[in-house]
Amino acid sequence: RIAKIFEQFILDIIEEAPNPKSVRDGSYLSIPSRMRNELARPELLQTADLPFTMAQYCVCTDKQWALHFNRIFPETIEDAKRQNFGRCTYYTNYVALAGAITKKSLTRVRIVLRTEFDKLAWVPYTRTDRLWSSGKIQGPEWKMLPRGADRGGPAIAINPQRRREPVTLRVFDQPGEGDSE
């Protein structure tokens, strides 16, 4: 059940990824929509090749990385109820599991989830009330991709254990205008 929750978390990250304000601009995701379910696997987040057309990112401190984990997989049911991740299936399933087990069991569940979480190179830069942010974020620790682009786009938290890895945008082959798919 824990593995299913984590797999669904990855899928929800992709499904809930932000879009530009203008519908004409399409998605920030560089993954073709027909391939998103297939590619929404932990491996996609285990590399610093971000599957977006543009993104803003910062390398987290250990404390910030732990904060994102705690927002994504809250320590208590009370914390879970305060957050507004309700559109995510993983979150609903996690809260249901947390409510059905003892506090000690939940601690063990979170240790397993944290082990998997720490294997990821990146996650959304969460806010207290949202999984994704995409507004312009200022600060010297924030980098923009592509380099030199105007600020904005999905905000990404980079695992501090990956601080030395180059962060890039990952390009996927897009179906052509004449494709029948």
N, C-alpha and C. Protein backbone atom coordinates (compact mmCIF):
# COMPACT_ATOMS: atom_id res chain seq x y z
N ARG A 1 0.82 -1.20 0.00
CA ARG A 1 0.00 0.00 0.00
C ARG A 1 0.87 1.26 0.00
N ILE A 2 1.99 1.22 0.71
CA ILE A 2 2.90 2.37 0.76
C ILE A 2 3.50 2.61 -0.62
N ALA A 3 3.92 1.55 -1.29
CA ALA A 3 4.50 1.67 -2.63
C ALA A 3 3.49 2.28 -3.60
N LYS A 4 2.24 1.87 -3.49
CA LYS A 4 1.18 2.42 -4.36
C LYS A 4 1.00 3.92 -4.11
N ILE A 5 1.03 4.33 -2.85
CA ILE A 5 0.89 5.75 -2.51
C ILE A 5 2.05 6.54 -3.13
N PHE A 6 3.27 6.00 -3.04
CA PHE A 6 4.41 6.71 -3.60
C PHE A 6 4.33 6.78 -5.12
N GLU A 7 3.95 5.68 -5.76
CA GLU A 7 3.78 5.68 -7.22
C GLU A 7 2.73 6.70 -7.64
N GLN A 8 1.62 6.77 -6.89
CA GLN A 8 0.56 7.72 -7.20
C GLN A 8 1.05 9.15 -6.99
N PHE A 9 1.89 9.36 -5.99
CA PHE A 9 2.48 10.68 -5.74
C PHE A 9 3.22 11.17 -6.99
N ILE A 10 4.01 10.30 -7.60
CA ILE A 10 4.75 10.67 -8.81
C ILE A 10 3.77 11.02 -9.94
N LEU A 11 2.76 10.20 -10.12
CA LEU A 11 1.75 10.45 -11.16
C LEU A 11 1.04 11.78 -10.89
N ASP A 12 0.68 12.04 -9.64
CA ASP A 12 0.00 13.29 -9.30
C ASP A 12 0.88 14.51 -9.56
N ILE A 13 2.18 14.39 -9.33
CA ILE A 13 3.09 15.51 -9.63
C ILE A 13 2.96 15.90 -11.10
N ILE A 14 2.94 14.90 -11.96
CA ILE A 14 2.85 15.17 -13.40
C ILE A 14 1.45 15.66 -13.76
N GLU A 15 0.42 15.01 -13.23
CA GLU A 15 -0.96 15.40 -13.57
C GLU A 15 -1.29 16.81 -13.09
N GLU A 16 -0.73 17.23 -11.96
CA GLU A 16 -1.05 18.53 -11.38
C GLU A 16 -0.05 19.62 -11.74
N ALA A 17 0.92 19.30 -12.60
CA ALA A 17 1.93 20.29 -12.99
C ALA A 17 1.24 21.54 -13.54
N PRO A 18 1.77 22.71 -13.19
CA PRO A 18 1.11 23.95 -13.61
C PRO A 18 1.24 24.20 -15.11
N ASN A 19 0.32 25.00 -15.61
CA ASN A 19 0.31 25.45 -17.00
C ASN A 19 0.49 26.96 -17.02
N PRO A 20 1.00 27.50 -18.14
CA PRO A 20 1.05 28.95 -18.26
C PRO A 20 -0.37 29.53 -18.20
N LYS A 21 -0.47 30.80 -17.90
CA LYS A 21 -1.79 31.44 -17.81
C LYS A 21 -2.56 31.36 -19.12
N SER A 22 -1.88 31.50 -20.23
CA SER A 22 -2.54 31.46 -21.53
C SER A 22 -2.64 30.02 -22.03
N VAL A 23 -3.85 29.59 -22.37
CA VAL A 23 -4.07 28.23 -22.88
C VAL A 23 -3.29 28.01 -24.17
N ARG A 24 -3.14 29.08 -24.96
CA ARG A 24 -2.40 28.97 -26.23
C ARG A 24 -0.96 28.54 -26.01
N ASP A 25 -0.42 28.83 -24.82
CA ASP A 25 0.97 28.49 -24.54
C ASP A 25 1.17 27.01 -24.21
N GLY A 26 0.09 26.24 -24.13
CA GLY A 26 0.21 24.82 -23.85
C GLY A 26 0.62 24.56 -22.41
N SER A 27 1.40 23.52 -22.22
CA SER A 27 1.82 23.10 -20.89
C SER A 27 3.28 23.42 -20.66
N TYR A 28 3.65 23.63 -19.41
CA TYR A 28 5.07 23.73 -19.07
C TYR A 28 5.75 22.37 -19.22
N LEU A 29 4.98 21.29 -19.10
CA LEU A 29 5.57 19.96 -19.24
C LEU A 29 6.06 19.75 -20.67
N SER A 30 7.23 19.17 -20.81
CA SER A 30 7.74 18.86 -22.15
C SER A 30 7.34 17.44 -22.57
N ILE A 31 6.70 16.71 -21.68
CA ILE A 31 6.27 15.34 -21.99
C ILE A 31 4.97 15.42 -22.79
N PRO A 32 4.92 14.79 -23.97
CA PRO A 32 3.67 14.78 -24.73
C PRO A 32 2.55 14.17 -23.87
N SER A 33 1.35 14.74 -23.95
CA SER A 33 0.26 14.31 -23.07
C SER A 33 -0.01 12.82 -23.18
N ARG A 34 0.14 12.22 -24.34
CA ARG A 34 -0.13 10.79 -24.50
C ARG A 34 0.90 9.92 -23.79
N MET A 35 2.04 10.50 -23.40
CA MET A 35 3.10 9.72 -22.75
C MET A 35 3.20 9.98 -21.24
N ARG A 36 2.39 10.88 -20.72
CA ARG A 36 2.55 11.30 -19.32
C ARG A 36 2.32 10.17 -18.32
N ASN A 37 1.26 9.42 -18.48
CA ASN A 37 1.01 8.31 -17.54
C ASN A 37 2.11 7.27 -17.60
N GLU A 38 2.58 7.00 -18.79
CA GLU A 38 3.63 5.99 -18.99
C GLU A 38 4.96 6.43 -18.36
N LEU A 39 5.29 7.72 -18.45
CA LEU A 39 6.57 8.22 -17.95
C LEU A 39 6.54 8.69 -16.51
N ALA A 40 5.36 8.78 -15.93
CA ALA A 40 5.25 9.24 -14.54
C ALA A 40 5.67 8.12 -13.59
N ARG A 41 6.95 7.91 -13.52
CA ARG A 41 7.57 6.89 -12.66
C ARG A 41 8.64 7.57 -11.82
N PRO A 42 9.03 6.96 -10.70
CA PRO A 42 10.07 7.59 -9.87
C PRO A 42 11.34 7.96 -10.65
N GLU A 43 11.70 7.16 -11.65
CA GLU A 43 12.91 7.44 -12.43
C GLU A 43 12.89 8.83 -13.05
N LEU A 44 11.71 9.33 -13.39
CA LEU A 44 11.58 10.66 -14.00
C LEU A 44 12.07 11.75 -13.04
N LEU A 45 11.89 11.54 -11.75
CA LEU A 45 12.29 12.52 -10.74
C LEU A 45 13.63 12.19 -10.10
N GLN A 46 14.27 11.11 -10.56
CA GLN A 46 15.56 10.72 -9.99
C GLN A 46 16.73 11.29 -10.78
N THR A 47 16.43 12.13 -11.74
CA THR A 47 17.46 12.81 -12.51
C THR A 47 17.16 14.30 -12.48
N ALA A 48 18.20 15.12 -12.58
CA ALA A 48 18.02 16.57 -12.57
C ALA A 48 17.71 17.11 -13.96
N ASP A 49 17.30 16.25 -14.88
CA ASP A 49 16.82 16.66 -16.20
C ASP A 49 15.32 16.89 -16.07
N LEU A 50 14.93 18.14 -15.89
CA LEU A 50 13.54 18.49 -15.58
C LEU A 50 12.67 18.41 -16.83
N PRO A 51 11.52 17.73 -16.73
CA PRO A 51 10.66 17.53 -17.92
C PRO A 51 9.74 18.72 -18.20
N PHE A 52 10.34 19.90 -18.33
CA PHE A 52 9.58 21.13 -18.54
C PHE A 52 10.20 21.95 -19.66
N THR A 53 9.40 22.85 -20.23
CA THR A 53 9.90 23.76 -21.25
C THR A 53 10.62 24.95 -20.61
N MET A 54 10.26 25.27 -19.39
CA MET A 54 10.96 26.27 -18.58
C MET A 54 10.69 25.96 -17.13
N ALA A 55 11.58 26.38 -16.26
CA ALA A 55 11.41 26.12 -14.83
C ALA A 55 12.30 27.07 -14.04
N GLN A 56 11.93 27.27 -12.79
CA GLN A 56 12.79 27.99 -11.86
C GLN A 56 13.09 27.00 -10.73
N TYR A 57 14.32 27.00 -10.28
CA TYR A 57 14.68 26.00 -9.27
C TYR A 57 15.66 26.58 -8.25
N CYS A 58 15.69 25.93 -7.10
CA CYS A 58 16.73 26.23 -6.12
C CYS A 58 17.15 24.91 -5.47
N VAL A 59 18.42 24.85 -5.14
CA VAL A 59 18.95 23.70 -4.41
C VAL A 59 18.58 23.91 -2.95
N CYS A 60 17.87 22.96 -2.39
CA CYS A 60 17.39 23.08 -1.01
C CYS A 60 18.51 22.85 0.00
N THR A 61 18.30 23.40 1.16
CA THR A 61 19.10 23.00 2.32
C THR A 61 18.48 21.69 2.82
N ASP A 62 19.16 21.00 3.71
CA ASP A 62 18.58 19.77 4.29
C ASP A 62 17.26 20.09 4.98
N LYS A 63 17.20 21.23 5.65
CA LYS A 63 15.99 21.63 6.37
C LYS A 63 14.83 21.90 5.40
N GLN A 64 15.11 22.58 4.29
CA GLN A 64 14.06 22.84 3.28
C GLN A 64 13.57 21.53 2.66
N TRP A 65 14.48 20.62 2.35
CA TRP A 65 14.10 19.34 1.75
C TRP A 65 13.17 18.57 2.71
N ALA A 66 13.51 18.58 3.99
CA ALA A 66 12.67 17.93 5.00
C ALA A 66 11.30 18.61 5.08
N LEU A 67 11.27 19.93 4.97
CA LEU A 67 10.00 20.66 4.98
C LEU A 67 9.11 20.22 3.82
N HIS A 68 9.68 20.07 2.63
CA HIS A 68 8.88 19.62 1.48
C HIS A 68 8.35 18.20 1.73
N PHE A 69 9.19 17.33 2.27
CA PHE A 69 8.73 15.98 2.60
C PHE A 69 7.55 16.05 3.58
N ASN A 70 7.69 16.86 4.62
CA ASN A 70 6.65 16.95 5.64
C ASN A 70 5.36 17.55 5.11
N ARG A 71 5.45 18.43 4.13
CA ARG A 71 4.24 18.95 3.51
C ARG A 71 3.58 17.90 2.63
N ILE A 72 4.39 17.13 1.95
CA ILE A 72 3.88 16.13 1.01
C ILE A 72 3.34 14.91 1.75
N PHE A 73 4.03 14.50 2.81
CA PHE A 73 3.62 13.36 3.63
C PHE A 73 3.59 13.81 5.10
N PRO A 74 2.52 14.50 5.53
CA PRO A 74 2.47 15.09 6.87
C PRO A 74 2.62 14.06 7.99
N GLU A 75 3.18 14.56 9.08
CA GLU A 75 3.47 13.73 10.25
C GLU A 75 2.21 13.35 11.03
N THR A 76 1.23 14.24 11.02
CA THR A 76 0.00 13.96 11.76
C THR A 76 -1.21 14.19 10.88
N ILE A 77 -2.30 13.58 11.25
CA ILE A 77 -3.56 13.74 10.53
C ILE A 77 -4.03 15.19 10.63
N GLU A 78 -3.73 15.86 11.75
CA GLU A 78 -4.11 17.26 11.92
C GLU A 78 -3.39 18.14 10.90
N ASP A 79 -2.09 17.88 10.69
CA ASP A 79 -1.34 18.62 9.67
C ASP A 79 -1.93 18.36 8.29
N ALA A 80 -2.30 17.14 8.04
CA ALA A 80 -2.84 16.76 6.74
C ALA A 80 -4.14 17.51 6.44
N LYS A 81 -4.96 17.69 7.44
CA LYS A 81 -6.24 18.36 7.23
C LYS A 81 -6.07 19.85 6.97
N ARG A 82 -4.98 20.44 7.42
CA ARG A 82 -4.74 21.87 7.22
C ARG A 82 -4.27 22.16 5.80
N GLN A 83 -3.75 21.18 5.13
CA GLN A 83 -3.18 21.42 3.82
C GLN A 83 -4.21 21.15 2.73
N ASN A 84 -3.99 21.80 1.59
CA ASN A 84 -4.96 21.75 0.52
C ASN A 84 -4.41 21.00 -0.68
N PHE A 85 -3.97 19.77 -0.47
CA PHE A 85 -3.46 18.94 -1.55
C PHE A 85 -4.56 17.99 -2.03
N GLY A 86 -5.80 18.32 -1.65
CA GLY A 86 -6.93 17.40 -1.82
C GLY A 86 -7.20 16.89 -3.21
N ARG A 87 -6.74 17.58 -4.25
CA ARG A 87 -6.98 17.09 -5.62
C ARG A 87 -6.08 15.91 -5.97
N CYS A 88 -5.09 15.67 -5.16
CA CYS A 88 -4.13 14.59 -5.44
C CYS A 88 -4.61 13.27 -4.84
N THR A 89 -4.71 12.26 -5.66
CA THR A 89 -5.16 10.94 -5.22
C THR A 89 -4.21 10.36 -4.17
N TYR A 90 -2.89 10.54 -4.37
CA TYR A 90 -1.94 10.00 -3.39
C TYR A 90 -2.24 10.56 -2.01
N TYR A 91 -2.58 11.86 -1.96
CA TYR A 91 -2.78 12.54 -0.68
C TYR A 91 -4.01 12.00 0.03
N THR A 92 -5.08 11.81 -0.71
CA THR A 92 -6.30 11.22 -0.16
C THR A 92 -6.00 9.84 0.41
N ASN A 93 -5.26 9.04 -0.34
CA ASN A 93 -4.91 7.68 0.10
C ASN A 93 -3.98 7.72 1.31
N TYR A 94 -3.04 8.65 1.32
CA TYR A 94 -2.12 8.79 2.44
C TYR A 94 -2.88 9.18 3.71
N VAL A 95 -3.77 10.15 3.60
CA VAL A 95 -4.54 10.60 4.77
C VAL A 95 -5.43 9.47 5.29
N ALA A 96 -6.02 8.70 4.37
CA ALA A 96 -6.85 7.56 4.78
C ALA A 96 -6.00 6.53 5.53
N LEU A 97 -4.82 6.24 5.01
CA LEU A 97 -3.92 5.29 5.68
C LEU A 97 -3.51 5.84 7.05
N ALA A 98 -3.12 7.10 7.10
CA ALA A 98 -2.67 7.72 8.35
C ALA A 98 -3.77 7.67 9.41
N GLY A 99 -5.01 7.80 8.98
CA GLY A 99 -6.13 7.78 9.92
C GLY A 99 -6.49 6.38 10.40
N ALA A 100 -6.00 5.37 9.69
CA ALA A 100 -6.37 3.99 10.01
C ALA A 100 -5.29 3.24 10.80
N ILE A 101 -4.13 3.86 11.00
CA ILE A 101 -3.04 3.17 11.69
C ILE A 101 -2.61 3.96 12.92
N THR A 102 -1.81 3.33 13.75
CA THR A 102 -1.32 3.99 14.96
C THR A 102 -0.26 5.03 14.60
N LYS A 103 0.01 5.90 15.54
CA LYS A 103 1.05 6.91 15.34
C LYS A 103 2.40 6.25 15.11
N LYS A 104 2.66 5.17 15.85
CA LYS A 104 3.92 4.45 15.70
C LYS A 104 4.04 3.83 14.31
N SER A 105 2.93 3.28 13.80
CA SER A 105 2.93 2.71 12.45
C SER A 105 3.12 3.80 11.40
N LEU A 106 2.48 4.95 11.63
CA LEU A 106 2.64 6.06 10.69
C LEU A 106 4.09 6.52 10.65
N THR A 107 4.77 6.53 11.78
CA THR A 107 6.19 6.89 11.81
C THR A 107 6.98 5.92 10.94
N ARG A 108 6.67 4.62 11.03
CA ARG A 108 7.36 3.62 10.20
C ARG A 108 7.05 3.83 8.72
N VAL A 109 5.79 4.13 8.40
CA VAL A 109 5.40 4.40 7.01
C VAL A 109 6.20 5.59 6.47
N ARG A 110 6.30 6.64 7.28
CA ARG A 110 7.01 7.84 6.84
C ARG A 110 8.50 7.58 6.65
N ILE A 111 9.08 6.67 7.42
CA ILE A 111 10.49 6.32 7.24
C ILE A 111 10.68 5.66 5.87
N VAL A 112 9.77 4.77 5.52
CA VAL A 112 9.83 4.10 4.20
C VAL A 112 9.66 5.15 3.09
N LEU A 113 8.66 6.02 3.24
CA LEU A 113 8.42 7.06 2.24
C LEU A 113 9.61 8.02 2.13
N ARG A 114 10.20 8.37 3.25
CA ARG A 114 11.35 9.30 3.24
C ARG A 114 12.54 8.67 2.51
N THR A 115 12.73 7.37 2.69
CA THR A 115 13.81 6.68 1.99
C THR A 115 13.63 6.82 0.48
N GLU A 116 12.41 6.62 0.01
CA GLU A 116 12.12 6.75 -1.43
C GLU A 116 12.20 8.21 -1.87
N PHE A 117 11.68 9.10 -1.07
CA PHE A 117 11.69 10.54 -1.36
C PHE A 117 13.13 11.03 -1.54
N ASP A 118 14.02 10.57 -0.68
CA ASP A 118 15.41 11.02 -0.72
C ASP A 118 16.17 10.50 -1.94
N LYS A 119 15.60 9.55 -2.66
CA LYS A 119 16.21 9.08 -3.91
C LYS A 119 15.89 10.01 -5.07
N LEU A 120 14.93 10.90 -4.88
CA LEU A 120 14.52 11.81 -5.95
C LEU A 120 15.51 12.97 -6.07
N ALA A 121 15.73 13.43 -7.28
CA ALA A 121 16.60 14.58 -7.52
C ALA A 121 15.82 15.88 -7.34
N TRP A 122 14.50 15.83 -7.56
CA TRP A 122 13.69 17.04 -7.46
C TRP A 122 12.25 16.71 -7.11
N VAL A 123 11.57 17.70 -6.56
CA VAL A 123 10.12 17.65 -6.31
C VAL A 123 9.60 19.07 -6.52
N PRO A 124 8.28 19.24 -6.61
CA PRO A 124 7.75 20.60 -6.67
C PRO A 124 8.16 21.38 -5.42
N TYR A 125 8.41 22.67 -5.59
CA TYR A 125 8.71 23.53 -4.45
C TYR A 125 7.36 23.87 -3.82
N THR A 126 7.00 23.09 -2.81
CA THR A 126 5.67 23.17 -2.21
C THR A 126 5.48 24.46 -1.40
N ARG A 127 4.24 24.80 -1.22
CA ARG A 127 3.82 25.85 -0.29
C ARG A 127 2.94 25.15 0.75
N THR A 128 2.63 25.84 1.82
CA THR A 128 1.80 25.23 2.86
C THR A 128 0.49 24.71 2.28
N ASP A 129 -0.07 25.45 1.34
CA ASP A 129 -1.40 25.11 0.84
C ASP A 129 -1.42 24.59 -0.59
N ARG A 130 -0.26 24.38 -1.20
CA ARG A 130 -0.28 23.90 -2.59
C ARG A 130 0.95 23.07 -2.93
N LEU A 131 0.71 22.11 -3.81
CA LEU A 131 1.79 21.24 -4.27
C LEU A 131 2.73 22.00 -5.21
N TRP A 132 2.17 22.79 -6.11
CA TRP A 132 2.95 23.49 -7.13
C TRP A 132 2.85 25.00 -6.97
N SER A 133 3.92 25.68 -7.30
CA SER A 133 3.95 27.14 -7.45
C SER A 133 4.54 27.43 -8.82
N SER A 134 4.09 28.53 -9.44
CA SER A 134 4.67 28.88 -10.73
C SER A 134 4.85 30.38 -10.91
N GLY A 135 4.52 31.16 -9.89
CA GLY A 135 4.74 32.60 -9.97
C GLY A 135 6.22 32.92 -9.92
N LYS A 136 6.57 34.13 -10.30
CA LYS A 136 7.97 34.55 -10.31
C LYS A 136 8.52 34.58 -8.88
N ILE A 137 9.61 33.87 -8.66
CA ILE A 137 10.25 33.84 -7.35
C ILE A 137 11.60 34.54 -7.46
N GLN A 138 11.83 35.47 -6.58
CA GLN A 138 13.08 36.25 -6.59
C GLN A 138 14.02 35.71 -5.52
N GLY A 139 15.27 35.95 -5.70
CA GLY A 139 16.26 35.58 -4.69
C GLY A 139 17.49 35.01 -5.35
N PRO A 140 18.64 35.23 -4.72
CA PRO A 140 19.90 34.79 -5.33
C PRO A 140 20.03 33.27 -5.45
N GLU A 141 19.29 32.53 -4.63
CA GLU A 141 19.40 31.06 -4.67
C GLU A 141 18.59 30.46 -5.82
N TRP A 142 17.74 31.28 -6.46
CA TRP A 142 16.87 30.79 -7.54
C TRP A 142 17.54 30.94 -8.90
N LYS A 143 17.49 29.86 -9.67
CA LYS A 143 18.04 29.83 -11.03
C LYS A 143 16.87 29.62 -12.00
N MET A 144 17.08 30.07 -13.23
CA MET A 144 16.04 29.99 -14.25
C MET A 144 16.51 29.11 -15.40
N LEU A 145 15.62 28.29 -15.92
CA LEU A 145 15.87 27.51 -17.13
C LEU A 145 14.74 27.78 -18.11
N PRO A 146 15.01 27.99 -19.39
CA PRO A 146 16.38 28.13 -19.90
C PRO A 146 17.04 29.37 -19.31
N ARG A 147 18.36 29.31 -19.26
CA ARG A 147 19.12 30.42 -18.68
C ARG A 147 18.77 31.71 -19.41
N GLY A 148 18.59 32.77 -18.64
CA GLY A 148 18.28 34.06 -19.23
C GLY A 148 16.80 34.28 -19.51
N ALA A 149 15.98 33.25 -19.34
CA ALA A 149 14.54 33.40 -19.57
C ALA A 149 13.94 34.29 -18.48
N ASP A 150 12.78 34.86 -18.79
CA ASP A 150 12.05 35.65 -17.82
C ASP A 150 11.66 34.75 -16.65
N ARG A 151 11.61 35.28 -15.47
CA ARG A 151 11.26 34.46 -14.29
C ARG A 151 9.85 33.92 -14.39
N GLY A 152 9.63 32.79 -13.76
CA GLY A 152 8.32 32.15 -13.73
C GLY A 152 8.45 30.70 -14.15
N GLY A 153 7.33 30.02 -14.21
CA GLY A 153 7.32 28.60 -14.54
C GLY A 153 7.31 27.77 -13.28
N PRO A 154 7.21 26.46 -13.43
CA PRO A 154 7.15 25.58 -12.25
C PRO A 154 8.35 25.81 -11.33
N ALA A 155 8.06 25.93 -10.04
CA ALA A 155 9.13 26.09 -9.04
C ALA A 155 9.55 24.70 -8.57
N ILE A 156 10.84 24.43 -8.66
CA ILE A 156 11.39 23.10 -8.40
C ILE A 156 12.36 23.15 -7.22
N ALA A 157 12.20 22.19 -6.32
CA ALA A 157 13.12 22.01 -5.19
C ALA A 157 14.10 20.90 -5.56
N ILE A 158 15.37 21.21 -5.55
CA ILE A 158 16.42 20.23 -5.86
C ILE A 158 16.93 19.62 -4.55
N ASN A 159 17.02 18.31 -4.53
CA ASN A 159 17.53 17.56 -3.38
C ASN A 159 18.95 18.05 -3.04
N PRO A 160 19.20 18.41 -1.79
CA PRO A 160 20.53 18.91 -1.44
C PRO A 160 21.65 17.89 -1.68
N GLN A 161 21.31 16.61 -1.69
CA GLN A 161 22.32 15.59 -1.98
C GLN A 161 22.75 15.62 -3.45
N ARG A 162 21.98 16.33 -4.28
CA ARG A 162 22.27 16.43 -5.72
C ARG A 162 22.82 17.80 -6.10
N ARG A 163 23.28 18.56 -5.12
CA ARG A 163 23.69 19.96 -5.37
C ARG A 163 24.78 20.10 -6.42
N ARG A 164 25.58 19.08 -6.64
CA ARG A 164 26.67 19.19 -7.61
C ARG A 164 26.26 18.76 -9.02
N GLU A 165 25.07 18.21 -9.16
CA GLU A 165 24.62 17.77 -10.49
C GLU A 165 24.09 18.95 -11.29
N PRO A 166 24.41 18.98 -12.59
CA PRO A 166 23.84 20.05 -13.41
C PRO A 166 22.33 19.86 -13.56
N VAL A 167 21.58 20.93 -13.48
CA VAL A 167 20.13 20.90 -13.66
C VAL A 167 19.85 21.39 -15.07
N THR A 168 19.12 20.59 -15.84
CA THR A 168 18.82 20.92 -17.22
C THR A 168 17.34 20.68 -17.51
N LEU A 169 16.90 21.13 -18.67
CA LEU A 169 15.56 20.83 -19.15
C LEU A 169 15.63 19.62 -20.05
N ARG A 170 14.69 18.72 -19.91
CA ARG A 170 14.64 17.50 -20.72
C ARG A 170 13.63 17.69 -21.85
N VAL A 171 14.08 17.46 -23.05
CA VAL A 171 13.23 17.62 -24.22
C VAL A 171 12.74 16.25 -24.66
N PHE A 172 11.46 16.16 -24.95
CA PHE A 172 10.86 14.94 -25.47
C PHE A 172 10.43 15.20 -26.91
N ASP A 173 10.49 14.18 -27.75
CA ASP A 173 9.95 14.31 -29.10
C ASP A 173 8.47 14.60 -29.00
N GLN A 174 8.04 15.63 -29.70
CA GLN A 174 6.63 16.00 -29.69
C GLN A 174 5.97 15.47 -30.95
N PRO A 175 4.70 15.04 -30.85
CA PRO A 175 4.02 14.61 -32.06
C PRO A 175 3.88 15.80 -33.01
N GLY A 176 4.10 15.56 -34.29
CA GLY A 176 4.00 16.64 -35.29
C GLY A 176 2.57 17.05 -35.52
N GLU A 177 2.40 18.18 -36.17
CA GLU A 177 1.07 18.71 -36.43
C GLU A 177 0.22 17.73 -37.25
N GLY A 178 0.85 16.99 -38.13
CA GLY A 178 0.10 16.09 -39.02
C GLY A 178 -0.09 14.69 -38.46
N ASP A 179 0.45 14.43 -37.26
CA ASP A 179 0.29 13.08 -36.69
C ASP A 179 -1.17 12.80 -36.40
N SER A 180 -1.53 11.55 -36.57
CA SER A 180 -2.94 11.17 -36.34
C SER A 180 -3.16 10.69 -34.92
N GLU A 181 -2.10 10.68 -34.09
CA GLU A 181 -2.26 10.20 -32.71
C GLU A 181 -2.96 11.19 -31.85
